[in-house]
N, C-alpha and C. Protein backbone atom coordinates (compact mmCIF):
# COMPACT_ATOMS: atom_id res chain seq x y z
N MET A 1 27.54 53.17 36.85
CA MET A 1 27.58 52.35 35.68
C MET A 1 28.92 52.60 34.78
N THR A 2 29.70 51.65 34.44
CA THR A 2 30.87 51.83 33.81
C THR A 2 30.65 51.78 32.31
N HIS A 3 31.77 52.16 31.50
CA HIS A 3 31.54 52.22 30.20
C HIS A 3 31.06 50.73 29.57
N SER A 4 31.78 49.73 30.10
CA SER A 4 31.51 48.57 29.60
C SER A 4 30.17 47.98 29.78
N ASP A 5 29.48 48.57 30.77
CA ASP A 5 28.07 48.08 31.17
C ASP A 5 27.01 48.88 30.37
N SER A 6 27.31 49.76 29.42
CA SER A 6 26.32 50.67 28.69
C SER A 6 25.36 49.80 27.88
N PRO A 7 24.20 50.31 27.57
CA PRO A 7 23.27 49.61 26.90
C PRO A 7 23.72 49.35 25.45
N ALA A 8 24.61 50.32 24.95
CA ALA A 8 25.09 50.11 23.55
C ALA A 8 26.00 48.99 23.42
N ASP A 9 26.79 48.62 24.37
CA ASP A 9 27.66 47.49 24.40
C ASP A 9 26.84 46.20 24.44
N GLU A 10 25.75 46.30 25.28
CA GLU A 10 24.83 45.08 25.53
C GLU A 10 24.35 44.65 24.15
N ARG A 11 23.78 45.82 23.34
CA ARG A 11 23.19 45.65 22.04
C ARG A 11 24.16 45.01 21.10
N SER A 12 25.41 45.59 21.01
CA SER A 12 26.39 45.19 20.24
C SER A 12 27.02 43.53 20.48
N THR A 13 26.89 43.25 21.79
CA THR A 13 27.27 41.91 22.07
C THR A 13 26.01 40.98 21.71
N THR A 14 24.84 41.49 21.94
CA THR A 14 23.65 40.65 21.66
C THR A 14 23.65 40.47 20.04
N ASN A 15 23.84 41.51 19.13
CA ASN A 15 23.82 41.46 17.80
C ASN A 15 25.06 40.53 17.24
N HIS A 16 26.09 40.58 17.97
CA HIS A 16 27.37 39.70 17.53
C HIS A 16 27.04 38.29 17.85
N THR A 17 26.23 38.07 19.02
CA THR A 17 25.76 36.66 19.41
C THR A 17 24.95 36.04 18.36
N ALA A 18 23.95 37.01 17.82
CA ALA A 18 22.94 36.66 16.97
C ALA A 18 23.52 36.36 15.50
N LEU A 19 24.71 37.09 15.11
CA LEU A 19 25.19 36.86 13.93
C LEU A 19 26.05 35.50 13.78
N THR A 20 26.72 35.28 15.13
CA THR A 20 27.45 34.02 15.19
C THR A 20 26.64 32.87 15.27
N LYS A 21 25.43 32.89 15.65
CA LYS A 21 24.50 31.83 15.67
C LYS A 21 23.95 31.53 14.19
N GLN A 22 23.73 32.64 13.46
CA GLN A 22 23.36 32.43 12.03
C GLN A 22 24.36 32.15 11.07
N LEU A 23 25.49 32.39 11.23
CA LEU A 23 26.57 32.13 10.48
C LEU A 23 26.59 30.64 9.89
N PRO A 24 26.70 29.60 10.84
CA PRO A 24 26.51 28.15 10.47
C PRO A 24 25.38 27.88 9.38
N HIS A 25 24.20 28.35 9.76
CA HIS A 25 23.07 28.14 8.97
C HIS A 25 23.34 28.72 7.63
N ARG A 26 23.95 29.93 7.57
CA ARG A 26 24.16 30.45 6.23
C ARG A 26 25.21 29.82 5.35
N LEU A 27 26.27 29.38 6.18
CA LEU A 27 27.30 28.47 5.49
C LEU A 27 26.82 27.37 4.93
N ILE A 28 26.01 26.63 5.73
CA ILE A 28 25.41 25.38 5.27
C ILE A 28 24.54 25.56 4.25
N THR A 29 23.74 26.58 4.07
CA THR A 29 22.74 26.92 2.94
C THR A 29 23.77 27.10 1.71
N GLY A 30 24.79 27.91 1.82
CA GLY A 30 25.59 28.33 0.81
C GLY A 30 26.17 26.91 0.19
N LEU A 31 26.84 26.27 1.03
CA LEU A 31 27.46 24.90 0.60
C LEU A 31 26.43 24.03 -0.07
N ILE A 32 25.27 23.86 0.31
CA ILE A 32 24.25 22.99 -0.42
C ILE A 32 23.94 23.73 -1.80
N LEU A 33 23.77 25.00 -1.93
CA LEU A 33 23.49 25.59 -3.09
C LEU A 33 24.66 25.41 -3.98
N PHE A 34 25.90 25.60 -3.51
CA PHE A 34 27.18 25.50 -4.43
C PHE A 34 27.10 23.95 -4.88
N SER A 35 26.82 23.03 -4.12
CA SER A 35 26.90 21.63 -4.44
C SER A 35 25.95 21.34 -5.48
N LEU A 36 24.78 21.85 -5.46
CA LEU A 36 23.84 21.72 -6.43
C LEU A 36 24.09 22.10 -7.66
N LEU A 37 24.74 23.37 -7.77
CA LEU A 37 25.27 23.92 -8.92
C LEU A 37 26.50 23.21 -9.41
N ALA A 38 27.30 22.72 -8.56
CA ALA A 38 28.46 22.12 -9.01
C ALA A 38 28.28 20.70 -9.67
N VAL A 39 27.03 20.23 -9.34
CA VAL A 39 26.74 18.79 -9.74
C VAL A 39 25.97 18.81 -11.23
N GLU A 40 25.52 20.11 -11.60
CA GLU A 40 24.77 20.09 -12.90
C GLU A 40 25.52 19.68 -13.94
N PRO A 41 26.92 19.81 -14.15
CA PRO A 41 27.57 19.29 -15.44
C PRO A 41 27.46 17.75 -15.47
N ALA A 42 27.36 17.06 -14.35
CA ALA A 42 27.22 15.67 -14.30
C ALA A 42 25.87 15.12 -14.64
N ALA A 43 25.04 16.08 -14.80
CA ALA A 43 23.71 15.61 -15.09
C ALA A 43 23.50 15.11 -16.64
N ALA A 44 24.32 15.56 -17.43
CA ALA A 44 24.20 15.02 -18.82
C ALA A 44 24.83 13.62 -18.89
N GLN A 45 25.37 13.09 -17.89
CA GLN A 45 26.02 11.77 -17.95
C GLN A 45 24.75 10.83 -17.67
N GLN A 46 24.82 9.57 -18.02
CA GLN A 46 23.82 8.46 -17.77
C GLN A 46 24.14 8.00 -16.45
N SER A 47 22.96 7.89 -15.63
CA SER A 47 23.19 7.42 -14.27
C SER A 47 23.28 5.89 -14.02
N ALA A 48 24.19 5.40 -13.44
CA ALA A 48 24.33 4.08 -13.09
C ALA A 48 23.13 3.44 -12.31
N VAL A 49 22.63 4.35 -11.43
CA VAL A 49 21.42 4.06 -10.43
C VAL A 49 20.31 3.69 -11.29
N CYS A 50 19.91 4.56 -12.27
CA CYS A 50 18.61 4.43 -13.16
C CYS A 50 18.82 3.13 -14.00
N ASN A 51 20.00 2.80 -14.40
CA ASN A 51 20.23 1.60 -15.28
C ASN A 51 20.07 0.38 -14.55
N ALA A 52 20.28 0.33 -13.10
CA ALA A 52 20.23 -0.95 -12.46
C ALA A 52 18.69 -1.25 -12.26
N ASP A 53 18.62 -2.72 -12.12
CA ASP A 53 17.27 -3.34 -12.24
C ASP A 53 16.27 -2.92 -11.03
N LYS A 54 16.66 -3.22 -9.93
CA LYS A 54 15.70 -2.86 -8.83
C LYS A 54 16.24 -1.78 -7.69
N LEU A 55 17.40 -1.05 -8.07
CA LEU A 55 17.83 -0.25 -7.26
C LEU A 55 17.01 1.15 -6.94
N PRO A 56 16.41 1.58 -7.95
CA PRO A 56 15.46 2.73 -7.69
C PRO A 56 14.31 2.44 -6.84
N SER A 57 13.82 1.36 -6.91
CA SER A 57 12.71 1.00 -6.13
C SER A 57 13.25 0.66 -4.58
N MET A 58 14.47 0.08 -4.68
CA MET A 58 15.00 0.02 -3.25
C MET A 58 15.37 1.26 -2.39
N ILE A 59 15.67 2.32 -3.15
CA ILE A 59 16.01 3.55 -2.73
C ILE A 59 14.68 4.08 -2.25
N GLU A 60 13.82 4.13 -3.10
CA GLU A 60 12.25 4.65 -2.58
C GLU A 60 11.79 4.01 -1.50
N GLY A 61 11.88 2.69 -1.42
CA GLY A 61 11.26 1.96 -0.32
C GLY A 61 12.10 2.21 1.04
N PHE A 62 13.43 2.43 0.80
CA PHE A 62 14.37 2.78 2.11
C PHE A 62 13.87 4.17 2.57
N PHE A 63 13.71 5.15 1.65
CA PHE A 63 13.34 6.44 2.10
C PHE A 63 12.03 6.36 2.78
N GLN A 64 11.12 5.75 2.18
CA GLN A 64 9.68 5.62 2.74
C GLN A 64 9.67 5.18 4.06
N LEU A 65 10.53 3.93 4.15
CA LEU A 65 10.54 3.40 5.55
C LEU A 65 11.10 4.31 6.66
N THR A 66 12.35 4.92 6.25
CA THR A 66 12.81 5.79 7.23
C THR A 66 12.07 7.04 7.69
N THR A 67 11.38 7.57 6.66
CA THR A 67 10.32 8.75 6.84
C THR A 67 9.25 8.31 7.78
N ALA A 68 8.69 6.96 7.53
CA ALA A 68 7.55 6.35 8.45
C ALA A 68 8.16 6.24 9.82
N LEU A 69 9.29 5.69 10.02
CA LEU A 69 9.97 5.56 11.34
C LEU A 69 10.25 6.91 12.01
N GLY A 70 10.64 7.90 11.25
CA GLY A 70 10.82 9.16 11.75
C GLY A 70 9.53 9.85 12.25
N ILE A 71 8.44 9.63 11.59
CA ILE A 71 7.16 10.09 11.97
C ILE A 71 6.62 9.40 13.36
N VAL A 72 6.80 8.06 13.21
CA VAL A 72 6.39 7.17 14.43
C VAL A 72 7.29 7.60 15.67
N GLY A 73 8.43 7.98 15.36
CA GLY A 73 9.32 8.40 16.45
C GLY A 73 9.00 9.62 17.01
N LEU A 74 8.63 10.61 16.12
CA LEU A 74 8.02 11.94 16.58
C LEU A 74 6.83 11.71 17.66
N ALA A 75 6.08 10.82 17.15
CA ALA A 75 4.68 10.74 17.97
C ALA A 75 5.22 10.09 19.34
N VAL A 76 6.11 9.16 19.31
CA VAL A 76 6.60 8.51 20.63
C VAL A 76 7.17 9.63 21.59
N VAL A 77 8.09 10.36 20.99
CA VAL A 77 8.62 11.36 21.65
C VAL A 77 7.81 12.31 22.33
N TRP A 78 6.77 12.76 21.35
CA TRP A 78 5.95 13.84 21.82
C TRP A 78 5.01 13.24 22.79
N GLN A 79 4.63 12.12 22.77
CA GLN A 79 3.71 11.60 23.79
C GLN A 79 4.45 11.40 25.17
N ALA A 80 5.79 10.82 25.04
CA ALA A 80 6.56 10.66 26.26
C ALA A 80 6.82 11.89 26.91
N ASN A 81 7.07 12.95 26.16
CA ASN A 81 7.44 14.25 26.63
C ASN A 81 6.17 14.74 27.33
N SER A 82 4.93 14.67 26.79
CA SER A 82 3.91 15.10 27.38
C SER A 82 3.55 14.28 28.62
N LEU A 83 3.72 13.07 28.63
CA LEU A 83 3.45 12.36 30.01
C LEU A 83 4.51 12.77 31.10
N ILE A 84 5.81 12.99 30.69
CA ILE A 84 6.80 13.38 31.72
C ILE A 84 6.39 14.74 32.02
N ASP A 85 5.92 15.68 31.23
CA ASP A 85 5.67 16.99 31.52
C ASP A 85 4.44 17.18 32.55
N MET A 86 3.58 16.19 32.77
CA MET A 86 2.57 16.05 33.78
C MET A 86 3.07 15.88 35.17
N PHE A 87 4.26 15.21 35.35
CA PHE A 87 4.84 14.98 36.60
C PHE A 87 6.12 15.92 36.88
N THR A 88 6.40 16.74 36.01
CA THR A 88 7.56 17.55 36.21
C THR A 88 6.95 18.94 36.91
N LEU A 89 7.71 19.34 37.95
CA LEU A 89 7.28 20.52 38.70
C LEU A 89 8.24 21.71 38.47
N SER A 90 9.50 21.55 37.98
CA SER A 90 10.51 22.56 37.90
C SER A 90 10.13 23.24 36.52
N PRO A 91 10.20 24.67 36.61
CA PRO A 91 9.98 25.29 35.26
C PRO A 91 11.14 25.07 34.41
N ASP A 92 12.39 24.90 34.87
CA ASP A 92 13.60 24.67 34.03
C ASP A 92 13.44 23.26 33.24
N GLN A 93 12.96 22.33 34.14
CA GLN A 93 12.59 20.95 33.36
C GLN A 93 11.63 21.11 32.24
N LYS A 94 10.59 21.91 32.62
CA LYS A 94 9.48 22.08 31.60
C LYS A 94 10.00 22.68 30.27
N LYS A 95 10.87 23.80 30.38
CA LYS A 95 11.41 24.45 29.39
C LYS A 95 12.30 23.38 28.45
N GLY A 96 13.02 22.62 29.27
CA GLY A 96 13.90 21.55 28.51
C GLY A 96 12.91 20.53 27.76
N LEU A 97 11.81 20.14 28.44
CA LEU A 97 11.02 19.24 27.65
C LEU A 97 10.44 19.94 26.44
N LYS A 98 10.09 21.36 26.47
CA LYS A 98 9.58 21.99 25.52
C LYS A 98 10.46 22.02 24.18
N ARG A 99 11.67 22.34 24.57
CA ARG A 99 12.83 22.39 23.64
C ARG A 99 12.92 21.17 23.07
N HIS A 100 12.89 19.98 23.70
CA HIS A 100 13.15 18.59 23.14
C HIS A 100 12.03 18.31 22.16
N LYS A 101 10.74 18.69 22.52
CA LYS A 101 9.55 18.62 21.67
C LYS A 101 9.81 19.37 20.37
N ARG A 102 10.12 20.52 20.52
CA ARG A 102 10.46 21.36 19.21
C ARG A 102 11.65 20.71 18.47
N SER A 103 12.61 20.34 19.13
CA SER A 103 13.77 19.69 18.33
C SER A 103 13.11 18.39 17.67
N ALA A 104 12.35 17.63 18.24
CA ALA A 104 11.81 16.47 17.55
C ALA A 104 10.83 16.75 16.32
N LEU A 105 10.22 17.82 16.57
CA LEU A 105 9.20 18.38 15.41
C LEU A 105 10.06 18.74 14.35
N LYS A 106 11.14 19.48 14.58
CA LYS A 106 11.95 19.95 13.44
C LYS A 106 12.62 18.88 12.63
N SER A 107 13.05 17.85 13.34
CA SER A 107 13.71 16.64 12.77
C SER A 107 12.63 15.96 11.81
N ALA A 108 11.46 15.80 12.29
CA ALA A 108 10.44 15.12 11.65
C ALA A 108 10.03 15.95 10.33
N THR A 109 10.09 17.26 10.54
CA THR A 109 9.60 18.15 9.43
C THR A 109 10.71 17.93 8.30
N VAL A 110 12.04 17.88 8.69
CA VAL A 110 13.08 17.90 7.68
C VAL A 110 13.07 16.40 6.94
N LEU A 111 12.64 15.43 7.84
CA LEU A 111 12.46 14.08 7.05
C LEU A 111 11.38 14.20 5.99
N VAL A 112 10.26 14.86 6.44
CA VAL A 112 9.02 14.86 5.48
C VAL A 112 9.41 15.69 4.27
N VAL A 113 10.05 16.91 4.47
CA VAL A 113 10.22 17.81 3.31
C VAL A 113 11.38 17.48 2.50
N LEU A 114 12.30 17.03 3.12
CA LEU A 114 13.59 16.63 2.34
C LEU A 114 13.35 15.85 0.96
N GLY A 115 12.64 14.80 0.92
CA GLY A 115 12.41 13.99 -0.08
C GLY A 115 11.82 14.75 -1.26
N PRO A 116 10.49 15.18 -1.07
CA PRO A 116 9.75 15.95 -2.15
C PRO A 116 10.68 17.18 -2.63
N LEU A 117 11.40 17.72 -1.82
CA LEU A 117 12.23 18.90 -2.13
C LEU A 117 13.38 18.46 -3.08
N TYR A 118 14.07 17.33 -2.83
CA TYR A 118 15.01 16.91 -3.63
C TYR A 118 14.35 16.52 -4.96
N THR A 119 13.23 15.80 -4.88
CA THR A 119 12.71 15.24 -6.23
C THR A 119 12.25 16.50 -7.08
N VAL A 120 11.50 17.43 -6.50
CA VAL A 120 11.30 18.71 -7.28
C VAL A 120 12.41 19.46 -7.75
N ALA A 121 13.39 19.88 -6.99
CA ALA A 121 14.63 20.49 -7.28
C ALA A 121 15.43 19.80 -8.25
N GLY A 122 15.67 18.48 -8.01
CA GLY A 122 16.54 17.57 -8.83
C GLY A 122 15.98 17.41 -10.17
N SER A 123 14.61 17.31 -10.27
CA SER A 123 14.07 17.24 -11.74
C SER A 123 14.31 18.49 -12.35
N MET A 124 14.01 19.65 -11.72
CA MET A 124 14.30 20.98 -12.36
C MET A 124 15.62 21.17 -12.86
N MET A 125 16.61 20.50 -12.08
CA MET A 125 17.94 20.97 -12.32
C MET A 125 18.51 19.84 -13.49
N GLY A 126 17.60 18.86 -13.59
CA GLY A 126 18.00 17.81 -14.53
C GLY A 126 19.07 16.76 -13.76
N LEU A 127 19.01 16.64 -12.57
CA LEU A 127 19.84 15.62 -12.00
C LEU A 127 19.26 14.17 -12.32
N PRO A 128 20.26 13.34 -12.71
CA PRO A 128 19.90 12.01 -13.11
C PRO A 128 19.18 11.07 -12.03
N LEU A 129 19.54 11.11 -10.94
CA LEU A 129 18.85 10.37 -9.86
C LEU A 129 17.44 10.90 -9.63
N ALA A 130 17.23 12.10 -9.68
CA ALA A 130 15.86 12.55 -9.46
C ALA A 130 15.01 12.08 -10.65
N GLN A 131 15.57 11.86 -11.85
CA GLN A 131 14.76 11.30 -12.87
C GLN A 131 14.11 10.01 -12.84
N CYS A 132 14.67 9.17 -12.02
CA CYS A 132 14.29 7.66 -11.98
C CYS A 132 14.01 7.40 -10.49
N VAL A 133 14.27 8.22 -9.39
CA VAL A 133 13.84 7.79 -8.20
C VAL A 133 12.93 8.90 -7.59
N ASN A 134 11.82 8.39 -7.02
CA ASN A 134 10.73 9.37 -6.51
C ASN A 134 10.84 9.44 -5.06
N LEU A 135 11.35 10.31 -4.32
CA LEU A 135 11.58 10.34 -2.93
C LEU A 135 10.57 10.90 -2.13
N VAL A 136 9.16 11.10 -2.86
CA VAL A 136 8.11 11.45 -1.96
C VAL A 136 7.52 10.43 -1.17
N PRO A 137 7.49 10.58 0.10
CA PRO A 137 7.03 9.32 1.01
C PRO A 137 5.65 8.93 0.87
N TRP A 138 4.80 9.59 0.17
CA TRP A 138 3.46 9.20 0.11
C TRP A 138 2.96 8.80 -1.09
């Protein structure tokens, strides 16, 4: 066993890999929080979207439509993957299908959670768009 093959080196490589995978997620979270805090001074201004006649209802309808299509898309992908899984023999292909199902579920979860989260967080922060547009899909 050489020095480069020691268990301590493998653990440090694994830790480094885990940290580099978490870095983009933490960076995105930080940017979102920063952008929410940076927008707060603009909340005191009157929103042009709220003053428009039918624009808030159009935004709400578009969000409800895209959320409904995302949920229907999840159901289609889930059923198609289950059907393909019945005829798949290779364990690697089964793992790929399982990953695809998980990815579709995460995407649908983001679609369903994002609107209510913006509505609640935006109204707490006093964002003008959150005052007149309800992005809760139900």
